[in-house]
Amino acid sequence: MTPIRWRHQGINLVVLIALLIFCWQSAAQNPGGSQPPGTTPGTGPYKAVMEMDAGLPDHTIYRPDNLSELNGVSLPIVVWGNGACVNAGNAFSSFLTDISSYGYLVIALGPIVQRDTASPAQPPPQAAAAPLPPQGADSSEPPRGLPPAATHPSQMIDAIQWATAENERAASKYYKRLNGGKIAVMGQSCGGVQAIQVLGLIVALAKALARKKPKGGKMSLRAVSAAMAAQGYLNERGRPVRLKSVM
């Protein structure tokens, strides 16, 4: 993961961005998509668990099992997008459990699903391969005829907002145990593209807010979210509406 540290006049926000766009089928992903029974829950110092939360029903959460063992250490937040943008938060369970076992709160897009549906979906068979574009033709447009993605980049922002809110909610098990200044968005293949889109949105917002905040000012993630909504980056449900405009 490559850290990017922003000191934009009015923003003191540390965001760790890891864009893992690679094909990792054996080490990072189980063939069936869920962690096999008896598998050690991570190789790090904390035993990690995989679960869902009623407050974030479209995601899967990986966290150290015994949060009291943290002894005051705050967990950085990692948000993960799946390969093929599949809607299965346990599609990379072994990989994400291992990350969490080193002291991270990991939130994957998609709920926990059955083993036979957790693997990234395969595209429907094609009758014939599409002809290659002529040399010199504009190939910047995405291929046509692909099925719509099962997850959306806005779910990454949903995860960030949920985590930062839980860190401030006194009744939450995460109360004051998360580090909102260290957030990573990352993913595999299509999920990596989702992370790029979210990064583009945040960078554009950071530039816009830097022109409005006094020098040396600081903004919390909650304040950033409010400013995003005020400037038209989020709709009334808190979802991004201007992703394409910042790419």
Protein backbone atom coordinates (compact mmCIF):
# COMPACT_ATOMS: atom_id res chain seq x y z
CA MET A 1 0.00 0.00 0.00
CA THR A 2 1.36 3.37 -1.01
CA PRO A 3 0.69 6.21 1.47
CA ILE A 4 -0.37 9.57 0.10
CA ARG A 5 -0.30 12.39 2.66
CA TRP A 6 -2.33 15.52 1.91
CA ARG A 7 -1.50 18.90 3.47
CA HIS A 8 -3.81 21.03 1.31
CA GLN A 9 -4.04 24.34 3.24
CA GLY A 10 -7.46 23.66 4.70
CA ILE A 11 -7.26 19.87 4.91
CA ASN A 12 -5.22 17.64 7.15
CA LEU A 13 -6.30 14.25 5.85
CA VAL A 14 -4.09 11.16 5.63
CA VAL A 15 -5.34 8.66 3.07
CA LEU A 16 -3.53 5.41 2.32
CA ILE A 17 -4.36 4.41 -1.24
CA ALA A 18 -3.63 0.92 -2.46
CA LEU A 19 -4.83 0.10 -5.94
CA LEU A 20 -4.23 -3.60 -6.37
CA ILE A 21 -5.08 -4.25 -10.01
CA PHE A 22 -3.71 -7.71 -10.54
CA CYS A 23 -4.77 -11.30 -11.01
CA TRP A 24 -4.33 -13.05 -7.70
CA GLN A 25 -6.34 -16.23 -7.81
CA SER A 26 -4.45 -18.67 -5.61
CA ALA A 27 -2.98 -16.74 -2.68
CA ALA A 28 -5.55 -14.00 -2.23
CA GLN A 29 -8.77 -15.79 -3.07
CA ASN A 30 -10.18 -19.18 -2.14
CA PRO A 31 -11.72 -21.12 -5.03
CA GLY A 32 -15.06 -21.28 -3.22
CA GLY A 33 -14.89 -17.70 -2.00
CA SER A 34 -15.30 -18.25 1.76
CA GLN A 35 -12.82 -19.17 4.44
CA PRO A 36 -12.62 -22.97 4.84
CA PRO A 37 -13.43 -24.42 8.27
CA GLY A 38 -10.37 -24.71 10.48
CA THR A 39 -8.35 -22.09 8.60
CA THR A 40 -6.19 -19.97 10.91
CA PRO A 41 -7.84 -16.53 11.01
CA GLY A 42 -4.86 -14.56 9.80
CA THR A 43 -1.12 -14.72 10.35
CA GLY A 44 -0.89 -11.47 12.33
CA PRO A 45 -0.87 -10.91 16.09
CA TYR A 46 -4.67 -10.51 16.31
CA LYS A 47 -7.19 -13.27 15.67
CA ALA A 48 -9.49 -11.81 13.00
CA VAL A 49 -13.16 -12.55 12.33
CA MET A 50 -15.49 -11.98 9.39
CA GLU A 51 -19.00 -10.68 10.05
CA MET A 52 -21.82 -8.42 8.89
CA ASP A 53 -23.34 -5.43 10.68
CA ALA A 54 -26.99 -4.38 10.54
CA GLY A 55 -25.89 -0.78 10.11
CA LEU A 56 -23.99 -1.64 6.92
CA PRO A 57 -25.96 -4.53 5.35
CA ASP A 58 -24.36 -4.34 1.89
CA HIS A 59 -20.82 -4.93 3.15
CA THR A 60 -18.70 -7.52 4.96
CA ILE A 61 -16.50 -6.55 7.89
CA TYR A 62 -13.18 -8.06 8.96
CA ARG A 63 -11.81 -7.04 12.35
CA PRO A 64 -9.69 -8.27 15.25
CA ASP A 65 -11.90 -10.57 17.32
CA ASN A 66 -11.04 -9.15 20.74
CA LEU A 67 -10.98 -5.37 20.42
CA SER A 68 -9.95 -5.01 24.06
CA GLU A 69 -6.58 -6.54 23.13
CA LEU A 70 -5.73 -3.44 21.11
CA ASN A 71 -4.65 -1.63 24.28
CA GLY A 72 -5.40 1.82 22.92
CA VAL A 73 -4.14 1.17 19.39
CA SER A 74 -6.47 2.66 16.76
CA LEU A 75 -7.31 0.52 13.73
CA PRO A 76 -6.66 1.99 10.27
CA ILE A 77 -9.57 1.46 7.87
CA VAL A 78 -9.28 -0.52 4.62
CA VAL A 79 -12.14 -0.54 2.09
CA TRP A 80 -12.01 -3.31 -0.54
CA GLY A 81 -13.60 -3.66 -3.98
CA ASN A 82 -13.86 -7.19 -5.39
CA GLY A 83 -12.67 -8.52 -8.70
CA ALA A 84 -15.39 -8.28 -11.37
CA CYS A 85 -17.13 -5.88 -8.91
CA VAL A 86 -18.86 -8.98 -7.57
CA ASN A 87 -21.39 -8.41 -4.78
CA ALA A 88 -19.79 -10.87 -2.33
CA GLY A 89 -17.86 -9.55 0.63
CA ASN A 90 -16.35 -12.97 1.35
CA ALA A 91 -14.93 -13.47 -2.16
CA PHE A 92 -11.43 -12.62 -0.85
CA SER A 93 -11.95 -13.73 2.73
CA SER A 94 -8.53 -15.30 3.37
CA PHE A 95 -6.67 -12.29 2.00
CA LEU A 96 -8.76 -9.74 3.89
CA THR A 97 -8.76 -11.78 7.10
CA ASP A 98 -4.99 -11.81 7.00
CA ILE A 99 -4.84 -8.02 6.58
CA SER A 100 -7.22 -7.56 9.50
CA SER A 101 -5.14 -9.81 11.73
CA TYR A 102 -2.37 -7.20 11.62
CA GLY A 103 -4.61 -4.60 13.22
CA TYR A 104 -6.93 -3.22 10.53
CA LEU A 105 -10.66 -2.80 10.13
CA VAL A 106 -11.37 -4.11 6.63
CA ILE A 107 -14.71 -3.47 4.92
CA ALA A 108 -15.42 -5.32 1.67
CA LEU A 109 -18.19 -4.44 -0.75
CA GLY A 110 -21.03 -6.96 -0.72
CA PRO A 111 -22.59 -9.20 1.93
CA ILE A 112 -21.47 -12.67 2.95
CA VAL A 113 -22.88 -15.09 0.39
CA GLN A 114 -22.89 -18.85 -0.16
CA ARG A 115 -19.75 -20.48 -1.49
CA ASP A 116 -21.17 -21.16 -4.95
CA THR A 117 -21.99 -17.46 -5.48
CA ALA A 118 -18.95 -15.81 -3.88
CA SER A 119 -16.56 -16.16 -6.82
CA PRO A 120 -16.51 -13.35 -9.37
CA ALA A 121 -19.17 -13.87 -11.99
CA GLN A 122 -18.10 -14.96 -15.45
CA PRO A 123 -19.30 -13.01 -18.49
CA PRO A 124 -21.86 -14.73 -20.69
CA PRO A 125 -20.44 -16.72 -23.63
CA GLN A 126 -19.96 -14.79 -26.85
CA ALA A 127 -20.95 -16.12 -30.24
CA ALA A 128 -17.87 -14.61 -31.83
CA ALA A 129 -15.06 -12.34 -30.76
CA ALA A 130 -15.55 -8.68 -31.59
CA PRO A 131 -13.24 -7.41 -34.38
CA LEU A 132 -10.29 -5.31 -33.32
CA PRO A 133 -10.67 -1.56 -33.94
CA PRO A 134 -8.79 -0.23 -36.96
CA GLN A 135 -5.32 1.13 -36.31
CA GLY A 136 -5.48 4.70 -35.08
CA ALA A 137 -9.13 4.49 -34.01
CA ASP A 138 -10.24 5.90 -30.67
CA SER A 139 -10.32 2.99 -28.21
CA SER A 140 -10.81 5.05 -25.04
CA GLU A 141 -14.49 4.15 -24.77
CA PRO A 142 -15.26 1.08 -22.58
CA PRO A 143 -16.45 -2.08 -24.35
CA ARG A 144 -20.16 -2.27 -24.99
CA GLY A 145 -22.49 -5.11 -24.06
CA LEU A 146 -20.95 -5.81 -20.65
CA PRO A 147 -23.35 -6.59 -17.78
CA PRO A 148 -23.78 -3.79 -15.21
CA ALA A 149 -21.50 -3.96 -12.17
CA ALA A 150 -23.07 -5.56 -9.11
CA THR A 151 -21.39 -3.04 -6.80
CA HIS A 152 -20.79 0.72 -7.07
CA PRO A 153 -17.93 3.03 -6.00
CA SER A 154 -20.39 4.88 -3.77
CA GLN A 155 -20.39 1.81 -1.49
CA MET A 156 -16.77 2.60 -0.64
CA ILE A 157 -17.84 6.03 0.58
CA ASP A 158 -20.73 4.38 2.45
CA ALA A 159 -18.17 2.22 4.25
CA ILE A 160 -15.96 5.19 5.16
CA GLN A 161 -18.89 7.19 6.47
CA TRP A 162 -20.20 4.25 8.50
CA ALA A 163 -16.81 3.54 10.06
CA THR A 164 -16.14 7.16 11.02
CA ALA A 165 -19.63 7.46 12.50
CA GLU A 166 -19.17 4.26 14.52
CA ASN A 167 -15.91 5.61 15.87
CA GLU A 168 -17.85 8.53 17.36
CA ARG A 169 -20.91 6.61 18.56
CA ALA A 170 -20.53 5.93 22.28
CA ALA A 171 -22.50 2.66 22.19
CA SER A 172 -20.46 1.23 19.32
CA LYS A 173 -17.87 -1.49 19.85
CA TYR A 174 -15.62 0.61 17.61
CA TYR A 175 -15.94 3.75 19.77
CA LYS A 176 -12.59 5.59 19.68
CA ARG A 177 -10.91 2.47 18.30
CA LEU A 178 -10.64 3.49 14.64
CA ASN A 179 -8.11 5.80 13.01
CA GLY A 180 -10.07 8.08 10.67
CA GLY A 181 -6.82 9.68 9.52
CA LYS A 182 -5.56 6.45 7.96
CA ILE A 183 -7.93 5.10 5.32
CA ALA A 184 -7.13 2.89 2.35
CA VAL A 185 -9.31 2.18 -0.66
CA MET A 186 -8.15 -0.74 -2.75
CA GLY A 187 -9.35 -3.60 -4.87
CA GLN A 188 -8.69 -6.19 -7.52
CA SER A 189 -9.43 -5.61 -11.21
CA CYS A 190 -12.86 -3.95 -11.40
CA GLY A 191 -12.62 -3.23 -7.67
CA GLY A 192 -9.34 -1.42 -8.30
CA VAL A 193 -11.09 0.81 -10.83
CA GLN A 194 -13.72 1.61 -8.21
CA ALA A 195 -10.92 2.67 -5.86
CA ILE A 196 -9.47 4.93 -8.57
CA GLN A 197 -12.86 6.58 -9.04
CA VAL A 198 -13.21 7.24 -5.32
CA LEU A 199 -9.66 8.62 -5.18
CA GLY A 200 -10.43 10.96 -8.07
CA LEU A 201 -13.51 12.22 -6.27
CA ILE A 202 -11.62 12.87 -3.04
CA VAL A 203 -8.72 14.61 -4.80
CA ALA A 204 -11.09 16.93 -6.65
CA LEU A 205 -12.93 17.68 -3.43
CA ALA A 206 -9.66 18.33 -1.57
CA LYS A 207 -8.67 20.92 -4.16
CA ALA A 208 -12.06 22.58 -3.98
CA LEU A 209 -12.07 22.73 -0.18
CA ALA A 210 -8.50 24.00 0.00
CA ARG A 211 -9.67 27.22 -1.66
CA LYS A 212 -12.32 27.75 1.03
CA LYS A 213 -10.58 26.85 4.29
CA PRO A 214 -8.14 29.18 6.05
CA LYS A 215 -4.52 28.19 6.03
CA GLY A 216 -3.77 25.67 8.73
CA GLY A 217 -7.41 24.67 9.17
CA LYS A 218 -8.39 21.03 9.68
CA MET A 219 -11.48 19.08 8.68
CA SER A 220 -12.78 15.80 10.00
CA LEU A 221 -14.07 13.12 7.62
CA ARG A 222 -17.58 13.94 8.77
CA ALA A 223 -17.02 17.61 7.84
CA VAL A 224 -15.58 16.52 4.50
CA SER A 225 -18.69 14.44 3.82
CA ALA A 226 -20.92 17.40 4.65
CA ALA A 227 -18.91 19.63 2.35
CA MET A 228 -19.14 17.01 -0.41
CA ALA A 229 -22.93 17.08 -0.12
CA ALA A 230 -23.03 20.88 -0.07
CA GLN A 231 -20.99 21.10 -3.27
CA GLY A 232 -23.11 18.58 -5.14
CA TYR A 233 -20.75 15.63 -4.95
CA LEU A 234 -23.27 13.60 -2.93
CA ASN A 235 -27.01 13.18 -3.25
CA GLU A 236 -29.51 13.16 -0.40
CA ARG A 237 -28.61 9.52 0.34
CA GLY A 238 -24.93 10.37 0.67
CA ARG A 239 -23.93 8.72 -2.60
CA PRO A 240 -21.58 10.26 -5.18
CA VAL A 241 -23.25 11.80 -8.21
CA ARG A 242 -20.29 13.40 -9.99
CA LEU A 243 -17.72 10.63 -10.28
CA LYS A 244 -17.16 11.08 -14.00
CA SER A 245 -16.58 14.80 -13.67
CA VAL A 246 -13.44 14.35 -11.58
CA MET A 247 -11.68 11.66 -13.61
